[in-house]
Amino acid sequence: MKARRQASILDIVDHEPLHSQEQLRRRLHHNGFDATQATISRDIKELGLVKRAGDGAYQRPGVDTTNPETALAALERAAAEFLRRVERVQQLVVIRTGVGQAQPLAIAIDRAQLPEAVGTIGGDDTILLIARDARRAATLVKRLERYAGK
């Protein structure tokens, strides 16, 4: 029973972003497992699950890639939370965040593997996002502003 429950936990966290033990408990219950918070806490520890930097969802240790839908959802949340201002200069996009918030947003951008983006350089409160060309940079600005609700 424990092995099946833990296998189910791994399958769940691999396919959807869960940010709390309560969310995980409900998903397990939906899959036919009744587990207490204490049991889930022990399972998380035994499985070595960690929380992702970008969105705080559980993941296997050492896993840097997520499925595209999860990565995009994490980017949307991170942009809504951290993005303050975004400007384009040719194919460069300069993103301003609060102090200490550039890194989590840059990680979320990189993990989302946006087709318009080549890569990011993240500082403390500023990210330099390099687009493939000026047209794609404009598309990125619009996308990020939409995610941030601006």
N, C-alpha and C. Protein backbone atom coordinates (compact mmCIF):
# COMPACT_ATOMS: atom_id res chain seq x y z
N MET A 1 0.83 -1.20 0.00
CA MET A 1 0.00 0.00 0.00
C MET A 1 0.87 1.26 0.00
N LYS A 2 1.92 1.29 0.84
CA LYS A 2 2.79 2.45 0.91
C LYS A 2 3.49 2.67 -0.43
N ALA A 3 4.00 1.61 -1.02
CA ALA A 3 4.70 1.74 -2.31
C ALA A 3 3.76 2.26 -3.39
N ARG A 4 2.54 1.77 -3.42
CA ARG A 4 1.56 2.23 -4.42
C ARG A 4 1.20 3.70 -4.18
N ARG A 5 1.02 4.07 -2.91
CA ARG A 5 0.68 5.46 -2.58
C ARG A 5 1.83 6.38 -2.99
N GLN A 6 3.06 5.99 -2.68
CA GLN A 6 4.20 6.82 -3.04
C GLN A 6 4.39 6.91 -4.55
N ALA A 7 4.11 5.81 -5.25
CA ALA A 7 4.17 5.84 -6.71
C ALA A 7 3.12 6.81 -7.26
N SER A 8 1.95 6.81 -6.63
CA SER A 8 0.89 7.73 -7.04
C SER A 8 1.30 9.17 -6.76
N ILE A 9 1.95 9.42 -5.65
CA ILE A 9 2.43 10.77 -5.32
C ILE A 9 3.39 11.25 -6.40
N LEU A 10 4.34 10.41 -6.78
CA LEU A 10 5.31 10.79 -7.80
C LEU A 10 4.62 11.08 -9.13
N ASP A 11 3.66 10.25 -9.48
CA ASP A 11 2.93 10.46 -10.72
C ASP A 11 2.17 11.79 -10.68
N ILE A 12 1.56 12.08 -9.55
CA ILE A 12 0.79 13.32 -9.41
C ILE A 12 1.70 14.55 -9.53
N VAL A 13 2.81 14.57 -8.78
CA VAL A 13 3.67 15.77 -8.81
C VAL A 13 4.39 15.91 -10.15
N ASP A 14 4.55 14.81 -10.88
CA ASP A 14 5.16 14.91 -12.20
C ASP A 14 4.23 15.54 -13.22
N HIS A 15 2.92 15.49 -12.96
CA HIS A 15 1.96 15.93 -13.97
C HIS A 15 1.14 17.16 -13.62
N GLU A 16 1.20 17.61 -12.38
CA GLU A 16 0.45 18.81 -12.04
C GLU A 16 1.11 19.54 -10.88
N PRO A 17 0.99 20.88 -10.88
CA PRO A 17 1.62 21.66 -9.81
C PRO A 17 0.77 21.64 -8.54
N LEU A 18 1.31 21.05 -7.50
CA LEU A 18 0.64 21.03 -6.19
C LEU A 18 1.53 21.79 -5.21
N HIS A 19 0.94 22.75 -4.53
CA HIS A 19 1.72 23.65 -3.68
C HIS A 19 1.60 23.36 -2.19
N SER A 20 0.71 22.45 -1.82
CA SER A 20 0.53 22.18 -0.39
C SER A 20 0.25 20.70 -0.16
N GLN A 21 0.47 20.26 1.06
CA GLN A 21 0.17 18.88 1.42
C GLN A 21 -1.33 18.62 1.36
N GLU A 22 -2.13 19.63 1.63
CA GLU A 22 -3.58 19.46 1.55
C GLU A 22 -4.02 19.20 0.11
N GLN A 23 -3.45 19.92 -0.84
CA GLN A 23 -3.76 19.66 -2.25
C GLN A 23 -3.37 18.24 -2.63
N LEU A 24 -2.20 17.82 -2.17
CA LEU A 24 -1.74 16.47 -2.45
C LEU A 24 -2.65 15.43 -1.80
N ARG A 25 -3.10 15.69 -0.57
CA ARG A 25 -4.00 14.77 0.11
C ARG A 25 -5.31 14.60 -0.68
N ARG A 26 -5.84 15.72 -1.18
CA ARG A 26 -7.08 15.64 -1.96
C ARG A 26 -6.90 14.86 -3.26
N ARG A 27 -5.77 15.07 -3.92
CA ARG A 27 -5.51 14.33 -5.17
C ARG A 27 -5.34 12.84 -4.88
N LEU A 28 -4.67 12.52 -3.79
CA LEU A 28 -4.51 11.11 -3.41
C LEU A 28 -5.88 10.49 -3.12
N HIS A 29 -6.71 11.22 -2.41
CA HIS A 29 -8.06 10.73 -2.10
C HIS A 29 -8.83 10.47 -3.40
N HIS A 30 -8.69 11.38 -4.34
CA HIS A 30 -9.33 11.22 -5.66
C HIS A 30 -8.83 9.95 -6.35
N ASN A 31 -7.58 9.58 -6.10
CA ASN A 31 -6.98 8.38 -6.70
C ASN A 31 -7.21 7.13 -5.86
N GLY A 32 -7.99 7.26 -4.78
CA GLY A 32 -8.34 6.08 -3.99
C GLY A 32 -7.47 5.83 -2.77
N PHE A 33 -6.67 6.80 -2.37
CA PHE A 33 -5.81 6.64 -1.20
C PHE A 33 -6.26 7.61 -0.11
N ASP A 34 -6.58 7.06 1.06
CA ASP A 34 -6.90 7.91 2.21
C ASP A 34 -5.65 7.98 3.07
N ALA A 35 -5.07 9.18 3.14
CA ALA A 35 -3.83 9.36 3.89
C ALA A 35 -3.96 10.60 4.76
N THR A 36 -3.37 10.55 5.93
CA THR A 36 -3.37 11.71 6.82
C THR A 36 -2.26 12.67 6.43
N GLN A 37 -2.31 13.86 6.96
CA GLN A 37 -1.27 14.85 6.70
C GLN A 37 0.08 14.32 7.17
N ALA A 38 0.11 13.64 8.31
CA ALA A 38 1.37 13.10 8.84
C ALA A 38 1.96 12.05 7.89
N THR A 39 1.10 11.21 7.33
CA THR A 39 1.56 10.19 6.39
C THR A 39 2.12 10.85 5.13
N ILE A 40 1.41 11.84 4.64
CA ILE A 40 1.87 12.54 3.44
C ILE A 40 3.18 13.25 3.71
N SER A 41 3.31 13.84 4.87
CA SER A 41 4.56 14.51 5.25
C SER A 41 5.72 13.52 5.26
N ARG A 42 5.50 12.33 5.82
CA ARG A 42 6.55 11.29 5.82
C ARG A 42 6.87 10.85 4.40
N ASP A 43 5.83 10.68 3.58
CA ASP A 43 6.06 10.27 2.19
C ASP A 43 6.90 11.31 1.44
N ILE A 44 6.58 12.58 1.63
CA ILE A 44 7.32 13.65 0.97
C ILE A 44 8.79 13.58 1.38
N LYS A 45 9.03 13.38 2.66
CA LYS A 45 10.40 13.29 3.15
C LYS A 45 11.11 12.07 2.59
N GLU A 46 10.46 10.91 2.63
CA GLU A 46 11.07 9.68 2.12
C GLU A 46 11.35 9.74 0.62
N LEU A 47 10.46 10.39 -0.12
CA LEU A 47 10.63 10.52 -1.57
C LEU A 47 11.62 11.63 -1.92
N GLY A 48 11.96 12.46 -0.95
CA GLY A 48 12.90 13.55 -1.18
C GLY A 48 12.34 14.68 -2.01
N LEU A 49 11.01 14.83 -2.00
CA LEU A 49 10.40 15.89 -2.80
C LEU A 49 10.83 17.26 -2.30
N VAL A 50 10.99 18.17 -3.22
CA VAL A 50 11.38 19.54 -2.90
C VAL A 50 10.40 20.49 -3.57
N LYS A 51 10.44 21.74 -3.17
CA LYS A 51 9.57 22.74 -3.79
C LYS A 51 10.36 23.49 -4.86
N ARG A 52 9.72 23.69 -6.01
CA ARG A 52 10.34 24.40 -7.12
C ARG A 52 10.52 25.87 -6.76
N ALA A 53 11.58 26.46 -7.30
CA ALA A 53 11.85 27.88 -7.05
C ALA A 53 10.81 28.77 -7.73
N GLY A 54 10.42 28.44 -8.95
CA GLY A 54 9.53 29.32 -9.72
C GLY A 54 8.15 29.47 -9.15
N ASP A 55 7.54 28.36 -8.69
CA ASP A 55 6.14 28.46 -8.26
C ASP A 55 5.86 27.78 -6.93
N GLY A 56 6.84 27.15 -6.31
CA GLY A 56 6.63 26.52 -5.01
C GLY A 56 5.89 25.20 -5.05
N ALA A 57 5.77 24.59 -6.23
CA ALA A 57 5.10 23.29 -6.34
C ALA A 57 6.09 22.18 -6.03
N TYR A 58 5.57 21.05 -5.55
CA TYR A 58 6.42 19.90 -5.25
C TYR A 58 6.98 19.30 -6.53
N GLN A 59 8.24 18.82 -6.45
CA GLN A 59 8.86 18.11 -7.56
C GLN A 59 9.88 17.12 -7.02
N ARG A 60 10.27 16.20 -7.87
CA ARG A 60 11.35 15.27 -7.50
C ARG A 60 12.64 16.06 -7.37
N PRO A 61 13.56 15.60 -6.53
CA PRO A 61 14.83 16.32 -6.40
C PRO A 61 15.63 16.24 -7.69
N GLY A 62 16.30 17.34 -8.03
CA GLY A 62 17.16 17.36 -9.21
C GLY A 62 16.43 17.48 -10.53
N VAL A 63 15.13 17.62 -10.50
CA VAL A 63 14.36 17.74 -11.74
C VAL A 63 14.33 19.21 -12.13
N ASP A 64 14.89 19.52 -13.28
CA ASP A 64 14.89 20.90 -13.75
C ASP A 64 13.82 21.14 -14.80
N THR A 65 13.35 20.08 -15.44
CA THR A 65 12.36 20.27 -16.49
C THR A 65 10.99 19.88 -15.97
N THR A 66 10.01 20.60 -16.44
CA THR A 66 8.63 20.28 -16.12
C THR A 66 7.89 20.19 -17.43
N ASN A 67 6.70 19.67 -17.37
CA ASN A 67 5.95 19.63 -18.62
C ASN A 67 5.62 21.06 -19.03
N PRO A 68 5.43 21.31 -20.32
CA PRO A 68 5.25 22.68 -20.81
C PRO A 68 4.07 23.41 -20.18
N GLU A 69 2.97 22.72 -19.91
CA GLU A 69 1.82 23.38 -19.31
C GLU A 69 2.12 23.84 -17.90
N THR A 70 2.81 23.03 -17.13
CA THR A 70 3.18 23.39 -15.77
C THR A 70 4.16 24.56 -15.78
N ALA A 71 5.13 24.52 -16.69
CA ALA A 71 6.11 25.60 -16.78
C ALA A 71 5.45 26.91 -17.16
N LEU A 72 4.51 26.87 -18.09
CA LEU A 72 3.81 28.07 -18.51
C LEU A 72 2.94 28.63 -17.38
N ALA A 73 2.27 27.74 -16.65
CA ALA A 73 1.46 28.18 -15.51
C ALA A 73 2.34 28.82 -14.44
N ALA A 74 3.52 28.24 -14.21
CA ALA A 74 4.46 28.80 -13.24
C ALA A 74 4.93 30.19 -13.68
N LEU A 75 5.17 30.35 -14.99
CA LEU A 75 5.57 31.66 -15.50
C LEU A 75 4.46 32.68 -15.32
N GLU A 76 3.24 32.28 -15.60
CA GLU A 76 2.11 33.21 -15.43
C GLU A 76 2.00 33.68 -13.98
N ARG A 77 2.13 32.74 -13.03
CA ARG A 77 2.06 33.11 -11.61
C ARG A 77 3.23 34.01 -11.21
N ALA A 78 4.44 33.64 -11.67
CA ALA A 78 5.62 34.43 -11.31
C ALA A 78 5.54 35.84 -11.89
N ALA A 79 5.08 35.97 -13.14
CA ALA A 79 4.96 37.30 -13.75
C ALA A 79 3.92 38.13 -13.00
N ALA A 80 2.80 37.51 -12.67
CA ALA A 80 1.76 38.24 -11.94
C ALA A 80 2.27 38.72 -10.59
N GLU A 81 3.12 37.93 -9.97
CA GLU A 81 3.62 38.27 -8.63
C GLU A 81 4.81 39.22 -8.65
N PHE A 82 5.75 39.02 -9.58
CA PHE A 82 7.04 39.72 -9.51
C PHE A 82 7.24 40.84 -10.53
N LEU A 83 6.62 40.77 -11.69
CA LEU A 83 6.89 41.74 -12.75
C LEU A 83 6.33 43.11 -12.39
N ARG A 84 7.20 44.13 -12.47
CA ARG A 84 6.78 45.50 -12.20
C ARG A 84 6.68 46.32 -13.48
N ARG A 85 7.68 46.14 -14.37
CA ARG A 85 7.72 46.91 -15.60
C ARG A 85 8.50 46.12 -16.65
N VAL A 86 8.14 46.29 -17.91
CA VAL A 86 8.84 45.60 -18.99
C VAL A 86 8.99 46.57 -20.16
N GLU A 87 10.21 46.63 -20.73
CA GLU A 87 10.50 47.53 -21.85
C GLU A 87 11.28 46.77 -22.91
N ARG A 88 11.07 47.16 -24.16
CA ARG A 88 11.78 46.53 -25.27
C ARG A 88 12.73 47.54 -25.91
N VAL A 89 13.94 47.09 -26.23
CA VAL A 89 14.90 47.85 -27.01
C VAL A 89 15.40 46.90 -28.09
N GLN A 90 14.89 47.09 -29.31
CA GLN A 90 15.20 46.18 -30.41
C GLN A 90 14.80 44.76 -30.03
N GLN A 91 15.79 43.84 -29.99
CA GLN A 91 15.46 42.46 -29.63
C GLN A 91 15.74 42.15 -28.16
N LEU A 92 16.01 43.18 -27.38
CA LEU A 92 16.26 43.00 -25.95
C LEU A 92 15.02 43.44 -25.16
N VAL A 93 14.71 42.67 -24.13
CA VAL A 93 13.59 43.00 -23.26
C VAL A 93 14.14 43.16 -21.84
N VAL A 94 13.92 44.32 -21.25
CA VAL A 94 14.38 44.59 -19.89
C VAL A 94 13.17 44.49 -18.97
N ILE A 95 13.28 43.61 -17.98
CA ILE A 95 12.18 43.35 -17.06
C ILE A 95 12.60 43.82 -15.67
N ARG A 96 11.77 44.63 -15.04
CA ARG A 96 12.03 45.12 -13.68
C ARG A 96 11.11 44.39 -12.71
N THR A 97 11.70 44.01 -11.57
CA THR A 97 10.96 43.34 -10.50
C THR A 97 11.26 44.06 -9.19
N GLY A 98 10.71 43.56 -8.10
CA GLY A 98 11.09 44.04 -6.78
C GLY A 98 12.47 43.47 -6.43
N VAL A 99 13.07 44.00 -5.39
CA VAL A 99 14.38 43.54 -4.94
C VAL A 99 14.33 42.05 -4.61
N GLY A 100 15.27 41.30 -5.17
CA GLY A 100 15.37 39.86 -4.89
C GLY A 100 14.38 39.00 -5.66
N GLN A 101 13.63 39.59 -6.57
CA GLN A 101 12.60 38.83 -7.28
C GLN A 101 12.95 38.50 -8.72
N ALA A 102 14.07 39.00 -9.22
CA ALA A 102 14.43 38.75 -10.61
C ALA A 102 14.78 37.28 -10.86
N GLN A 103 15.49 36.66 -9.95
CA GLN A 103 15.91 35.28 -10.16
C GLN A 103 14.74 34.31 -10.30
N PRO A 104 13.75 34.34 -9.40
CA PRO A 104 12.63 33.41 -9.57
C PRO A 104 11.88 33.63 -10.88
N LEU A 105 11.74 34.88 -11.30
CA LEU A 105 11.05 35.16 -12.56
C LEU A 105 11.90 34.70 -13.75
N ALA A 106 13.20 34.94 -13.70
CA ALA A 106 14.08 34.49 -14.79
C ALA A 106 14.06 32.97 -14.91
N ILE A 107 14.05 32.27 -13.78
CA ILE A 107 13.98 30.81 -13.81
C ILE A 107 12.68 30.36 -14.46
N ALA A 108 11.58 31.01 -14.10
CA ALA A 108 10.28 30.66 -14.67
C ALA A 108 10.27 30.91 -16.18
N ILE A 109 10.88 32.01 -16.62
CA ILE A 109 10.95 32.30 -18.05
C ILE A 109 11.76 31.23 -18.77
N ASP A 110 12.92 30.90 -18.22
CA ASP A 110 13.78 29.89 -18.84
C ASP A 110 13.09 28.53 -18.91
N ARG A 111 12.43 28.13 -17.85
CA ARG A 111 11.78 26.81 -17.82
C ARG A 111 10.58 26.73 -18.76
N ALA A 112 9.94 27.88 -19.03
CA ALA A 112 8.80 27.88 -19.93
C ALA A 112 9.23 27.67 -21.39
N GLN A 113 10.50 27.85 -21.68
CA GLN A 113 11.05 27.63 -23.02
C GLN A 113 10.20 28.32 -24.09
N LEU A 114 10.00 29.61 -23.90
CA LEU A 114 9.20 30.38 -24.84
C LEU A 114 9.90 30.40 -26.21
N PRO A 115 9.15 30.14 -27.27
CA PRO A 115 9.78 30.05 -28.60
C PRO A 115 10.41 31.37 -29.06
N GLU A 116 9.93 32.50 -28.54
CA GLU A 116 10.46 33.80 -28.94
C GLU A 116 11.78 34.14 -28.24
N ALA A 117 12.08 33.45 -27.13
CA ALA A 117 13.22 33.82 -26.29
C ALA A 117 14.45 32.96 -26.56
N VAL A 118 15.61 33.61 -26.52
CA VAL A 118 16.89 32.90 -26.62
C VAL A 118 17.37 32.56 -25.21
N GLY A 119 17.25 33.51 -24.27
CA GLY A 119 17.68 33.26 -22.90
C GLY A 119 17.55 34.50 -22.04
N THR A 120 17.89 34.33 -20.76
CA THR A 120 17.79 35.43 -19.80
C THR A 120 19.08 35.58 -19.02
N ILE A 121 19.27 36.78 -18.52
CA ILE A 121 20.31 37.07 -17.54
C ILE A 121 19.60 37.78 -16.42
N GLY A 122 19.62 37.19 -15.22
CA GLY A 122 18.89 37.76 -14.10
C GLY A 122 19.80 38.35 -13.05
N GLY A 123 19.49 39.55 -12.65
CA GLY A 123 20.19 40.19 -11.55
C GLY A 123 19.36 40.12 -10.29
N ASP A 124 19.41 41.18 -9.49
CA ASP A 124 18.65 41.23 -8.24
C ASP A 124 17.23 41.70 -8.48
N ASP A 125 17.09 42.77 -9.27
CA ASP A 125 15.76 43.30 -9.55
C ASP A 125 15.54 43.59 -11.03
N THR A 126 16.44 43.07 -11.88
CA THR A 126 16.36 43.29 -13.32
C THR A 126 16.71 42.02 -14.07
N ILE A 127 15.97 41.78 -15.15
CA ILE A 127 16.24 40.64 -16.02
C ILE A 127 16.45 41.19 -17.43
N LEU A 128 17.48 40.70 -18.10
CA LEU A 128 17.67 40.96 -19.50
C LEU A 128 17.23 39.71 -20.25
N LEU A 129 16.20 39.84 -21.05
CA LEU A 129 15.66 38.74 -21.83
C LEU A 129 16.01 39.02 -23.29
N ILE A 130 16.71 38.08 -23.91
CA ILE A 130 17.12 38.25 -25.30
C ILE A 130 16.14 37.48 -26.18
N ALA A 131 15.53 38.21 -27.11
CA ALA A 131 14.58 37.59 -28.04
C ALA A 131 15.30 37.27 -29.35
N ARG A 132 14.66 36.45 -30.17
CA ARG A 132 15.25 36.04 -31.45
C ARG A 132 15.34 37.20 -32.44
N ASP A 133 14.41 38.14 -32.35
CA ASP A 133 14.44 39.33 -33.20
C ASP A 133 13.50 40.37 -32.58
N ALA A 134 13.46 41.56 -33.18
CA ALA A 134 12.67 42.66 -32.61
C ALA A 134 11.18 42.34 -32.59
N ARG A 135 10.69 41.68 -33.62
CA ARG A 135 9.26 41.33 -33.68
C ARG A 135 8.89 40.38 -32.55
N ARG A 136 9.74 39.41 -32.32
CA ARG A 136 9.47 38.45 -31.24
C ARG A 136 9.64 39.11 -29.88
N ALA A 137 10.51 40.08 -29.78
CA ALA A 137 10.66 40.83 -28.52
C ALA A 137 9.35 41.55 -28.19
N ALA A 138 8.73 42.15 -29.21
CA ALA A 138 7.46 42.83 -28.99
C ALA A 138 6.39 41.84 -28.54
N THR A 139 6.41 40.65 -29.12
CA THR A 139 5.46 39.61 -28.72
C THR A 139 5.69 39.20 -27.27
N LEU A 140 6.95 39.09 -26.87
CA LEU A 140 7.27 38.74 -25.49
C LEU A 140 6.78 39.80 -24.51
N VAL A 141 6.96 41.06 -24.86
CA VAL A 141 6.51 42.15 -23.99
C VAL A 141 5.00 42.03 -23.78
N LYS A 142 4.26 41.86 -24.88
CA LYS A 142 2.80 41.73 -24.77
C LYS A 142 2.41 40.53 -23.92
N ARG A 143 3.10 39.40 -24.13
CA ARG A 143 2.80 38.18 -23.38
C ARG A 143 3.04 38.40 -21.89
N LEU A 144 4.19 38.96 -21.54
CA LEU A 144 4.53 39.17 -20.13
C LEU A 144 3.58 40.17 -19.47
N GLU A 145 3.22 41.23 -20.21
CA GLU A 145 2.27 42.20 -19.66
C GLU A 145 0.90 41.55 -19.44
N ARG A 146 0.51 40.68 -20.34
CA ARG A 146 -0.78 39.98 -20.17
C ARG A 146 -0.73 39.09 -18.93
N TYR A 147 0.37 38.34 -18.76
CA TYR A 147 0.51 37.48 -17.59
C TYR A 147 0.48 38.29 -16.30
N ALA A 148 1.08 39.47 -16.34
CA ALA A 148 1.15 40.31 -15.14
C ALA A 148 -0.12 41.11 -14.92
N GLY A 149 -1.05 41.06 -15.88
CA GLY A 149 -2.30 41.79 -15.73
C GLY A 149 -2.14 43.27 -15.97
N LYS A 150 -1.19 43.65 -16.79
CA LYS A 150 -0.93 45.09 -17.07
C LYS A 150 -1.51 45.47 -18.40
